[in-house]
Amino acid sequence: MSEEAKNEWWEWLKAIIIAIVLAFLLRTFFFATSIVEGASMNPTLESGERVMFNKIIYYVEEPAYGEIVIIHRPVKSYVKRIIALPNDVVEVRDHKLYINGEKQNQAYLDQPSIEGTTNYGPVKVPDGHYFVMGDNRSISKDSRNGLGFIEESEIIGRSELVIYPFKEWGMTR
């Protein structure tokens, strides 16, 4: 093999190694994917969709109202929407959501999801915790019934976009 051919192979090998290391670093520290399981986030996200989430965002800012987050629990991870922040008071009355006594506009919900919201609360979210709900309120396992308040450390990222199936590709907000 000529010296020129050896140099070309070496350059290709270096490029592949760099690409693998970069992919590993991005996947480990910045972005990852999660699969939506079940219908609790309908109509926003459907079962089987794969979402890409930002793992670093909450090191530089706090979770905010309405963000779709990935929650890591020992048995499985959940995809839910942040409804209330630490020290907020949450109440659902007559299919309407109130945060700190103010009625919330939930434009991301369709009418059947709103009608599926049963009365709840009022409850105060403890310091360092969040209140989350699925968009399909009648069947969602969330802070009202099973998940409880979510510790800040359990929120591992913010959903940014649907990456599969390709026909659904786009932002998840």
N, C-alpha and C. Protein backbone atom coordinates (compact mmCIF):
# COMPACT_ATOMS: atom_id res chain seq x y z
N MET A 1 0.85 -1.17 0.00
CA MET A 1 0.00 0.00 0.00
C MET A 1 0.90 1.24 0.00
N SER A 2 0.54 2.20 -0.79
CA SER A 2 1.35 3.40 -0.91
C SER A 2 1.18 4.29 0.32
N GLU A 3 2.13 5.16 0.52
CA GLU A 3 2.09 6.09 1.65
C GLU A 3 0.85 7.00 1.56
N GLU A 4 0.49 7.39 0.34
CA GLU A 4 -0.69 8.24 0.13
C GLU A 4 -1.96 7.51 0.54
N ALA A 5 -2.09 6.25 0.20
CA ALA A 5 -3.26 5.45 0.57
C ALA A 5 -3.34 5.27 2.08
N LYS A 6 -2.20 5.04 2.73
CA LYS A 6 -2.17 4.90 4.19
C LYS A 6 -2.64 6.19 4.86
N ASN A 7 -2.19 7.33 4.36
CA ASN A 7 -2.62 8.62 4.92
C ASN A 7 -4.11 8.84 4.75
N GLU A 8 -4.64 8.44 3.59
CA GLU A 8 -6.08 8.59 3.36
C GLU A 8 -6.87 7.72 4.33
N TRP A 9 -6.46 6.47 4.53
CA TRP A 9 -7.12 5.58 5.49
C TRP A 9 -7.04 6.16 6.90
N TRP A 10 -5.87 6.67 7.26
CA TRP A 10 -5.71 7.25 8.59
C TRP A 10 -6.63 8.45 8.78
N GLU A 11 -6.76 9.29 7.78
CA GLU A 11 -7.65 10.45 7.86
C GLU A 11 -9.10 10.02 8.01
N TRP A 12 -9.52 9.02 7.26
CA TRP A 12 -10.88 8.49 7.37
C TRP A 12 -11.11 7.90 8.77
N LEU A 13 -10.16 7.16 9.28
CA LEU A 13 -10.28 6.55 10.61
C LEU A 13 -10.40 7.63 11.68
N LYS A 14 -9.60 8.69 11.59
CA LYS A 14 -9.69 9.80 12.55
C LYS A 14 -11.07 10.46 12.48
N ALA A 15 -11.58 10.69 11.28
CA ALA A 15 -12.90 11.32 11.11
C ALA A 15 -14.00 10.46 11.72
N ILE A 16 -13.93 9.15 11.52
CA ILE A 16 -14.94 8.25 12.08
C ILE A 16 -14.87 8.23 13.60
N ILE A 17 -13.68 8.19 14.15
CA ILE A 17 -13.51 8.19 15.61
C ILE A 17 -14.05 9.49 16.20
N ILE A 18 -13.73 10.61 15.59
CA ILE A 18 -14.23 11.91 16.07
C ILE A 18 -15.76 11.95 16.01
N ALA A 19 -16.33 11.45 14.93
CA ALA A 19 -17.79 11.44 14.80
C ALA A 19 -18.44 10.58 15.88
N ILE A 20 -17.87 9.43 16.17
CA ILE A 20 -18.41 8.54 17.20
C ILE A 20 -18.32 9.19 18.58
N VAL A 21 -17.18 9.81 18.87
CA VAL A 21 -17.01 10.48 20.17
C VAL A 21 -17.99 11.64 20.30
N LEU A 22 -18.15 12.44 19.25
CA LEU A 22 -19.11 13.55 19.29
C LEU A 22 -20.54 13.05 19.49
N ALA A 23 -20.91 12.00 18.76
CA ALA A 23 -22.26 11.43 18.91
C ALA A 23 -22.47 10.94 20.34
N PHE A 24 -21.47 10.27 20.90
CA PHE A 24 -21.57 9.78 22.27
C PHE A 24 -21.75 10.94 23.25
N LEU A 25 -20.96 12.00 23.11
CA LEU A 25 -21.06 13.14 24.00
C LEU A 25 -22.41 13.84 23.88
N LEU A 26 -22.88 14.04 22.65
CA LEU A 26 -24.19 14.67 22.45
C LEU A 26 -25.30 13.84 23.07
N ARG A 27 -25.26 12.55 22.84
CA ARG A 27 -26.30 11.64 23.36
C ARG A 27 -26.24 11.56 24.88
N THR A 28 -25.07 11.55 25.45
CA THR A 28 -24.92 11.39 26.89
C THR A 28 -25.26 12.67 27.66
N PHE A 29 -24.82 13.81 27.17
CA PHE A 29 -24.92 15.04 27.95
C PHE A 29 -25.91 16.07 27.45
N PHE A 30 -26.31 16.01 26.18
CA PHE A 30 -27.13 17.08 25.64
C PHE A 30 -28.52 16.65 25.17
N PHE A 31 -28.61 15.64 24.34
CA PHE A 31 -29.88 15.23 23.77
C PHE A 31 -30.05 13.72 23.87
N ALA A 32 -31.29 13.28 24.01
CA ALA A 32 -31.61 11.86 24.01
C ALA A 32 -33.02 11.71 23.44
N THR A 33 -33.45 10.48 23.28
CA THR A 33 -34.79 10.23 22.76
C THR A 33 -35.58 9.43 23.77
N SER A 34 -36.89 9.54 23.66
CA SER A 34 -37.81 8.78 24.50
C SER A 34 -39.01 8.41 23.65
N ILE A 35 -39.60 7.28 23.95
CA ILE A 35 -40.80 6.83 23.23
C ILE A 35 -42.02 7.12 24.08
N VAL A 36 -43.04 7.72 23.48
CA VAL A 36 -44.30 7.98 24.17
C VAL A 36 -45.05 6.66 24.26
N GLU A 37 -45.40 6.28 25.48
CA GLU A 37 -46.15 5.04 25.70
C GLU A 37 -47.55 5.37 26.18
N GLY A 38 -48.55 4.87 25.49
CA GLY A 38 -49.93 5.10 25.90
C GLY A 38 -50.51 6.38 25.31
N ALA A 39 -51.76 6.60 25.65
CA ALA A 39 -52.51 7.72 25.07
C ALA A 39 -52.65 8.91 26.01
N SER A 40 -51.87 8.96 27.09
CA SER A 40 -52.06 10.03 28.08
C SER A 40 -51.68 11.42 27.57
N MET A 41 -50.92 11.51 26.49
CA MET A 41 -50.54 12.84 25.96
C MET A 41 -51.30 13.19 24.69
N ASN A 42 -52.28 12.39 24.30
CA ASN A 42 -53.12 12.74 23.14
C ASN A 42 -53.86 14.03 23.46
N PRO A 43 -54.07 14.94 22.57
CA PRO A 43 -53.79 14.89 21.15
C PRO A 43 -52.40 15.41 20.77
N THR A 44 -51.63 15.91 21.74
CA THR A 44 -50.32 16.50 21.42
C THR A 44 -49.33 15.46 20.93
N LEU A 45 -49.19 14.37 21.67
CA LEU A 45 -48.29 13.28 21.32
C LEU A 45 -49.06 11.97 21.34
N GLU A 46 -48.74 11.10 20.40
CA GLU A 46 -49.44 9.82 20.31
C GLU A 46 -48.53 8.68 20.69
N SER A 47 -49.14 7.60 21.16
CA SER A 47 -48.38 6.42 21.56
C SER A 47 -47.50 5.94 20.40
N GLY A 48 -46.25 5.63 20.71
CA GLY A 48 -45.32 5.14 19.71
C GLY A 48 -44.46 6.22 19.09
N GLU A 49 -44.82 7.49 19.28
CA GLU A 49 -43.98 8.54 18.73
C GLU A 49 -42.67 8.61 19.52
N ARG A 50 -41.60 8.91 18.82
CA ARG A 50 -40.29 9.07 19.46
C ARG A 50 -39.99 10.56 19.49
N VAL A 51 -39.70 11.05 20.70
CA VAL A 51 -39.39 12.47 20.87
C VAL A 51 -37.93 12.64 21.24
N MET A 52 -37.35 13.74 20.77
CA MET A 52 -35.99 14.10 21.17
C MET A 52 -36.13 15.10 22.31
N PHE A 53 -35.36 14.88 23.38
CA PHE A 53 -35.44 15.82 24.47
C PHE A 53 -34.08 16.40 24.83
N ASN A 54 -34.14 17.62 25.33
CA ASN A 54 -32.97 18.41 25.69
C ASN A 54 -32.61 18.10 27.14
N LYS A 55 -31.46 17.48 27.37
CA LYS A 55 -31.06 17.09 28.71
C LYS A 55 -30.34 18.19 29.48
N ILE A 56 -29.87 19.21 28.81
CA ILE A 56 -29.05 20.22 29.48
C ILE A 56 -29.85 21.47 29.85
N ILE A 57 -31.02 21.65 29.28
CA ILE A 57 -31.77 22.89 29.44
C ILE A 57 -32.03 23.26 30.90
N TYR A 58 -32.31 22.26 31.75
CA TYR A 58 -32.65 22.58 33.13
C TYR A 58 -31.45 22.78 34.03
N TYR A 59 -30.25 22.75 33.45
CA TYR A 59 -29.06 23.18 34.17
C TYR A 59 -28.89 24.70 34.05
N VAL A 60 -29.54 25.27 33.04
CA VAL A 60 -29.39 26.71 32.80
C VAL A 60 -30.69 27.49 33.04
N GLU A 61 -31.82 26.81 33.10
CA GLU A 61 -33.08 27.47 33.41
C GLU A 61 -34.01 26.51 34.12
N GLU A 62 -35.04 27.07 34.74
CA GLU A 62 -36.02 26.27 35.49
C GLU A 62 -37.13 25.79 34.57
N PRO A 63 -37.74 24.64 34.89
CA PRO A 63 -38.93 24.21 34.12
C PRO A 63 -40.02 25.28 34.21
N ALA A 64 -40.78 25.41 33.14
CA ALA A 64 -41.80 26.47 33.06
C ALA A 64 -43.17 25.87 32.76
N TYR A 65 -44.20 26.66 33.00
CA TYR A 65 -45.57 26.25 32.72
C TYR A 65 -45.71 25.78 31.27
N GLY A 66 -46.41 24.68 31.09
CA GLY A 66 -46.76 24.20 29.76
C GLY A 66 -45.69 23.39 29.04
N GLU A 67 -44.49 23.30 29.59
CA GLU A 67 -43.45 22.53 28.92
C GLU A 67 -43.72 21.04 29.05
N ILE A 68 -43.42 20.32 27.99
CA ILE A 68 -43.53 18.86 28.00
C ILE A 68 -42.17 18.33 28.44
N VAL A 69 -42.19 17.54 29.51
CA VAL A 69 -40.94 17.09 30.12
C VAL A 69 -40.89 15.56 30.18
N ILE A 70 -39.66 15.07 30.33
CA ILE A 70 -39.43 13.65 30.53
C ILE A 70 -39.12 13.47 32.01
N ILE A 71 -39.87 12.59 32.66
CA ILE A 71 -39.72 12.33 34.09
C ILE A 71 -39.16 10.93 34.26
N HIS A 72 -38.05 10.84 34.96
CA HIS A 72 -37.42 9.54 35.17
C HIS A 72 -37.80 9.00 36.55
N ARG A 73 -38.40 7.84 36.55
CA ARG A 73 -38.69 7.10 37.77
C ARG A 73 -37.98 5.76 37.69
N PRO A 74 -37.74 5.09 38.81
CA PRO A 74 -36.97 3.84 38.78
C PRO A 74 -37.51 2.78 37.82
N VAL A 75 -38.81 2.65 37.70
CA VAL A 75 -39.38 1.60 36.85
C VAL A 75 -39.49 2.03 35.40
N LYS A 76 -39.86 3.27 35.14
CA LYS A 76 -40.01 3.76 33.77
C LYS A 76 -39.96 5.28 33.73
N SER A 77 -39.91 5.81 32.53
CA SER A 77 -39.95 7.25 32.33
C SER A 77 -41.32 7.65 31.82
N TYR A 78 -41.71 8.88 32.10
CA TYR A 78 -43.02 9.40 31.69
C TYR A 78 -42.82 10.69 30.91
N VAL A 79 -43.74 10.94 29.97
CA VAL A 79 -43.78 12.19 29.22
C VAL A 79 -45.05 12.90 29.66
N LYS A 80 -44.90 14.07 30.29
CA LYS A 80 -46.04 14.83 30.82
C LYS A 80 -45.80 16.32 30.61
N ARG A 81 -46.86 17.09 30.89
CA ARG A 81 -46.80 18.55 30.76
C ARG A 81 -46.76 19.19 32.14
N ILE A 82 -45.89 20.18 32.32
CA ILE A 82 -45.83 20.89 33.60
C ILE A 82 -47.04 21.82 33.69
N ILE A 83 -47.80 21.62 34.75
CA ILE A 83 -49.01 22.41 34.98
C ILE A 83 -48.77 23.47 36.04
N ALA A 84 -48.03 23.09 37.11
CA ALA A 84 -47.81 24.03 38.20
C ALA A 84 -46.38 23.92 38.72
N LEU A 85 -45.88 25.04 39.21
CA LEU A 85 -44.52 25.17 39.71
C LEU A 85 -44.52 25.07 41.24
N PRO A 86 -43.34 24.99 41.84
CA PRO A 86 -43.27 24.93 43.31
C PRO A 86 -44.06 26.08 43.96
N ASN A 87 -44.80 25.71 45.01
CA ASN A 87 -45.60 26.63 45.83
C ASN A 87 -46.86 27.15 45.16
N ASP A 88 -47.17 26.71 43.94
CA ASP A 88 -48.45 27.05 43.32
C ASP A 88 -49.57 26.25 43.97
N VAL A 89 -50.78 26.78 43.87
CA VAL A 89 -51.98 26.06 44.33
C VAL A 89 -52.74 25.63 43.08
N VAL A 90 -52.99 24.32 42.97
CA VAL A 90 -53.65 23.73 41.80
C VAL A 90 -55.06 23.30 42.18
N GLU A 91 -56.00 23.63 41.29
CA GLU A 91 -57.37 23.16 41.47
C GLU A 91 -58.00 22.93 40.10
N VAL A 92 -58.76 21.85 40.00
CA VAL A 92 -59.57 21.60 38.81
C VAL A 92 -61.01 21.59 39.29
N ARG A 93 -61.82 22.48 38.70
CA ARG A 93 -63.21 22.63 39.09
C ARG A 93 -64.06 22.78 37.84
N ASP A 94 -65.08 21.94 37.69
CA ASP A 94 -65.98 22.00 36.54
C ASP A 94 -65.22 21.96 35.21
N HIS A 95 -64.25 21.04 35.11
CA HIS A 95 -63.45 20.81 33.91
C HIS A 95 -62.52 21.98 33.56
N LYS A 96 -62.28 22.86 34.50
CA LYS A 96 -61.40 24.00 34.26
C LYS A 96 -60.25 23.96 35.25
N LEU A 97 -59.05 24.31 34.77
CA LEU A 97 -57.85 24.31 35.59
C LEU A 97 -57.61 25.71 36.14
N TYR A 98 -57.33 25.76 37.46
CA TYR A 98 -57.00 27.02 38.12
C TYR A 98 -55.63 26.88 38.78
N ILE A 99 -54.77 27.84 38.54
CA ILE A 99 -53.48 27.91 39.20
C ILE A 99 -53.48 29.20 40.01
N ASN A 100 -53.29 29.06 41.31
CA ASN A 100 -53.31 30.21 42.23
C ASN A 100 -54.59 31.03 42.07
N GLY A 101 -55.70 30.33 41.86
CA GLY A 101 -57.00 30.96 41.74
C GLY A 101 -57.34 31.52 40.38
N GLU A 102 -56.41 31.49 39.43
CA GLU A 102 -56.66 32.04 38.10
C GLU A 102 -56.95 30.92 37.10
N LYS A 103 -58.04 31.07 36.36
CA LYS A 103 -58.39 30.10 35.33
C LYS A 103 -57.33 30.10 34.23
N GLN A 104 -56.92 28.90 33.81
CA GLN A 104 -55.85 28.76 32.82
C GLN A 104 -56.42 28.46 31.43
N ASN A 105 -55.84 29.10 30.43
CA ASN A 105 -56.16 28.80 29.04
C ASN A 105 -55.25 27.66 28.60
N GLN A 106 -55.82 26.54 28.22
CA GLN A 106 -55.05 25.38 27.81
C GLN A 106 -55.31 25.11 26.33
N ALA A 107 -54.77 25.95 25.49
CA ALA A 107 -55.03 25.89 24.05
C ALA A 107 -54.57 24.58 23.42
N TYR A 108 -53.66 23.87 24.06
CA TYR A 108 -53.15 22.60 23.54
C TYR A 108 -54.13 21.44 23.74
N LEU A 109 -55.20 21.65 24.51
CA LEU A 109 -56.19 20.58 24.75
C LEU A 109 -57.34 20.68 23.76
N ASP A 110 -57.88 19.52 23.38
CA ASP A 110 -59.10 19.53 22.59
C ASP A 110 -60.29 19.37 23.56
N GLN A 111 -61.51 19.54 23.06
CA GLN A 111 -62.69 19.53 23.91
C GLN A 111 -62.87 18.24 24.70
N PRO A 112 -62.71 17.04 24.10
CA PRO A 112 -62.86 15.83 24.90
C PRO A 112 -61.85 15.75 26.05
N SER A 113 -60.63 16.26 25.85
CA SER A 113 -59.63 16.25 26.92
C SER A 113 -60.05 17.16 28.06
N ILE A 114 -60.60 18.32 27.72
CA ILE A 114 -61.05 19.26 28.75
C ILE A 114 -62.20 18.66 29.52
N GLU A 115 -63.14 18.04 28.82
CA GLU A 115 -64.30 17.44 29.48
C GLU A 115 -63.91 16.24 30.35
N GLY A 116 -62.75 15.63 30.09
CA GLY A 116 -62.29 14.50 30.88
C GLY A 116 -61.57 14.90 32.15
N THR A 117 -61.44 16.21 32.40
CA THR A 117 -60.74 16.68 33.58
C THR A 117 -61.70 16.70 34.77
N THR A 118 -61.47 15.82 35.73
CA THR A 118 -62.35 15.73 36.90
C THR A 118 -61.90 16.72 37.98
N ASN A 119 -62.81 17.00 38.92
CA ASN A 119 -62.49 17.93 40.00
C ASN A 119 -61.32 17.40 40.83
N TYR A 120 -60.49 18.32 41.26
CA TYR A 120 -59.29 17.97 42.04
C TYR A 120 -58.85 19.18 42.84
N GLY A 121 -58.39 18.94 44.05
CA GLY A 121 -57.79 19.99 44.86
C GLY A 121 -58.80 20.88 45.54
N PRO A 122 -58.35 22.02 46.01
CA PRO A 122 -57.05 22.65 45.77
C PRO A 122 -55.93 22.00 46.60
N VAL A 123 -54.74 21.94 45.99
CA VAL A 123 -53.54 21.44 46.67
C VAL A 123 -52.38 22.39 46.37
N LYS A 124 -51.50 22.51 47.35
CA LYS A 124 -50.30 23.35 47.17
C LYS A 124 -49.14 22.45 46.79
N VAL A 125 -48.43 22.84 45.73
CA VAL A 125 -47.26 22.09 45.27
C VAL A 125 -46.11 22.39 46.24
N PRO A 126 -45.48 21.35 46.81
CA PRO A 126 -44.39 21.59 47.75
C PRO A 126 -43.18 22.26 47.08
N ASP A 127 -42.39 22.92 47.88
CA ASP A 127 -41.16 23.54 47.40
C ASP A 127 -40.26 22.46 46.78
N GLY A 128 -39.65 22.77 45.62
CA GLY A 128 -38.75 21.82 44.96
C GLY A 128 -39.47 20.74 44.17
N HIS A 129 -40.78 20.88 44.00
CA HIS A 129 -41.59 19.89 43.27
C HIS A 129 -42.42 20.58 42.18
N TYR A 130 -42.93 19.75 41.26
CA TYR A 130 -43.77 20.24 40.16
C TYR A 130 -45.02 19.39 40.07
N PHE A 131 -46.05 19.96 39.49
CA PHE A 131 -47.31 19.26 39.26
C PHE A 131 -47.45 19.06 37.77
N VAL A 132 -47.60 17.80 37.33
CA VAL A 132 -47.69 17.49 35.90
C VAL A 132 -48.99 16.76 35.60
N MET A 133 -49.43 16.92 34.35
CA MET A 133 -50.61 16.20 33.86
C MET A 133 -50.37 15.80 32.41
N GLY A 134 -51.03 14.74 31.99
CA GLY A 134 -51.07 14.40 30.59
C GLY A 134 -52.12 15.24 29.90
N ASP A 135 -52.04 15.37 28.60
CA ASP A 135 -53.02 16.17 27.86
C ASP A 135 -54.35 15.44 27.71
N ASN A 136 -54.37 14.13 27.81
CA ASN A 136 -55.59 13.34 27.76
C ASN A 136 -56.02 13.10 29.20
N ARG A 137 -56.65 14.09 29.78
CA ARG A 137 -56.89 14.17 31.21
C ARG A 137 -57.69 13.00 31.80
N SER A 138 -58.60 12.42 31.04
CA SER A 138 -59.45 11.37 31.61
C SER A 138 -58.71 10.06 31.84
N ILE A 139 -57.59 9.82 31.16
CA ILE A 139 -56.88 8.54 31.34
C ILE A 139 -55.44 8.71 31.80
N SER A 140 -55.00 9.91 32.01
CA SER A 140 -53.59 10.17 32.33
C SER A 140 -53.24 9.79 33.76
N LYS A 141 -52.15 9.03 33.90
CA LYS A 141 -51.54 8.81 35.21
C LYS A 141 -50.59 9.97 35.41
N ASP A 142 -50.89 10.84 36.37
CA ASP A 142 -50.10 12.05 36.55
C ASP A 142 -50.07 12.46 38.01
N SER A 143 -49.82 13.71 38.30
CA SER A 143 -49.70 14.18 39.68
C SER A 143 -51.00 14.02 40.47
N ARG A 144 -52.13 13.91 39.80
CA ARG A 144 -53.40 13.75 40.48
C ARG A 144 -53.61 12.33 40.99
N ASN A 145 -53.03 11.36 40.30
CA ASN A 145 -53.43 9.97 40.58
C ASN A 145 -52.34 8.95 40.28
N GLY A 146 -51.31 8.94 41.01
CA GLY A 146 -50.33 7.88 40.80
C GLY A 146 -48.89 8.37 40.79
N LEU A 147 -48.61 9.47 40.12
CA LEU A 147 -47.24 9.96 40.08
C LEU A 147 -46.94 10.88 41.26
N GLY A 148 -47.95 11.57 41.76
CA GLY A 148 -47.73 12.52 42.83
C GLY A 148 -46.94 13.72 42.34
N PHE A 149 -46.45 14.50 43.28
CA PHE A 149 -45.63 15.66 42.93
C PHE A 149 -44.29 15.17 42.40
N ILE A 150 -43.76 15.87 41.43
CA ILE A 150 -42.52 15.47 40.77
C ILE A 150 -41.36 16.29 41.33
N GLU A 151 -40.36 15.59 41.86
CA GLU A 151 -39.17 16.29 42.35
C GLU A 151 -38.40 16.86 41.17
N GLU A 152 -37.77 17.99 41.40
CA GLU A 152 -37.00 18.64 40.33
C GLU A 152 -35.95 17.70 39.75
N SER A 153 -35.33 16.88 40.59
CA SER A 153 -34.28 15.96 40.12
C SER A 153 -34.82 14.85 39.23
N GLU A 154 -36.12 14.60 39.26
CA GLU A 154 -36.73 13.56 38.42
C GLU A 154 -36.98 14.04 36.99
N ILE A 155 -36.96 15.34 36.78
CA ILE A 155 -37.17 15.90 35.44
C ILE A 155 -35.82 15.88 34.73
N ILE A 156 -35.71 15.02 33.72
CA ILE A 156 -34.41 14.82 33.07
C ILE A 156 -34.28 15.55 31.74
N GLY A 157 -35.35 16.21 31.30
CA GLY A 157 -35.23 16.97 30.06
C GLY A 157 -36.55 17.52 29.59
N ARG A 158 -36.45 18.42 28.60
CA ARG A 158 -37.63 19.02 27.98
C ARG A 158 -37.76 18.46 26.57
N SER A 159 -38.95 18.01 26.24
CA SER A 159 -39.21 17.50 24.90
C SER A 159 -39.13 18.64 23.90
N GLU A 160 -38.36 18.41 22.83
CA GLU A 160 -38.16 19.46 21.84
C GLU A 160 -38.87 19.18 20.52
N LEU A 161 -38.77 17.93 20.04
CA LEU A 161 -39.43 17.62 18.76
C LEU A 161 -39.71 16.14 18.61
N VAL A 162 -40.72 15.87 17.78
CA VAL A 162 -41.05 14.49 17.41
C VAL A 162 -40.13 14.13 16.25
N ILE A 163 -39.42 13.01 16.38
CA ILE A 163 -38.52 12.61 15.31
C ILE A 163 -38.98 11.36 14.58
N TYR A 164 -39.99 10.66 15.14
CA TYR A 164 -40.53 9.48 14.48
C TYR A 164 -41.95 9.28 14.97
N PRO A 165 -42.90 8.93 14.11
CA PRO A 165 -42.75 8.69 12.69
C PRO A 165 -42.48 9.99 11.94
N PHE A 166 -41.82 9.84 10.82
CA PHE A 166 -41.34 11.00 10.07
C PHE A 166 -42.47 11.93 9.65
N LYS A 167 -43.67 11.40 9.40
CA LYS A 167 -44.79 12.26 8.99
C LYS A 167 -45.25 13.18 10.11
N GLU A 168 -44.87 12.86 11.36
CA GLU A 168 -45.22 13.69 12.52
C GLU A 168 -44.08 14.60 12.96
N TRP A 169 -42.97 14.62 12.20
CA TRP A 169 -41.79 15.36 12.60
C TRP A 169 -42.13 16.81 12.86
N GLY A 170 -41.68 17.32 13.99
CA GLY A 170 -41.90 18.74 14.29
C GLY A 170 -41.80 19.00 15.78
N MET A 171 -41.94 20.27 16.16
CA MET A 171 -41.83 20.69 17.56
C MET A 171 -42.95 20.10 18.39
N THR A 172 -42.69 19.90 19.70
CA THR A 172 -43.67 19.24 20.57
C THR A 172 -44.42 20.19 21.48
N ARG A 173 -44.37 21.43 21.31
CA ARG A 173 -45.00 22.34 22.25
C ARG A 173 -46.42 22.48 21.88
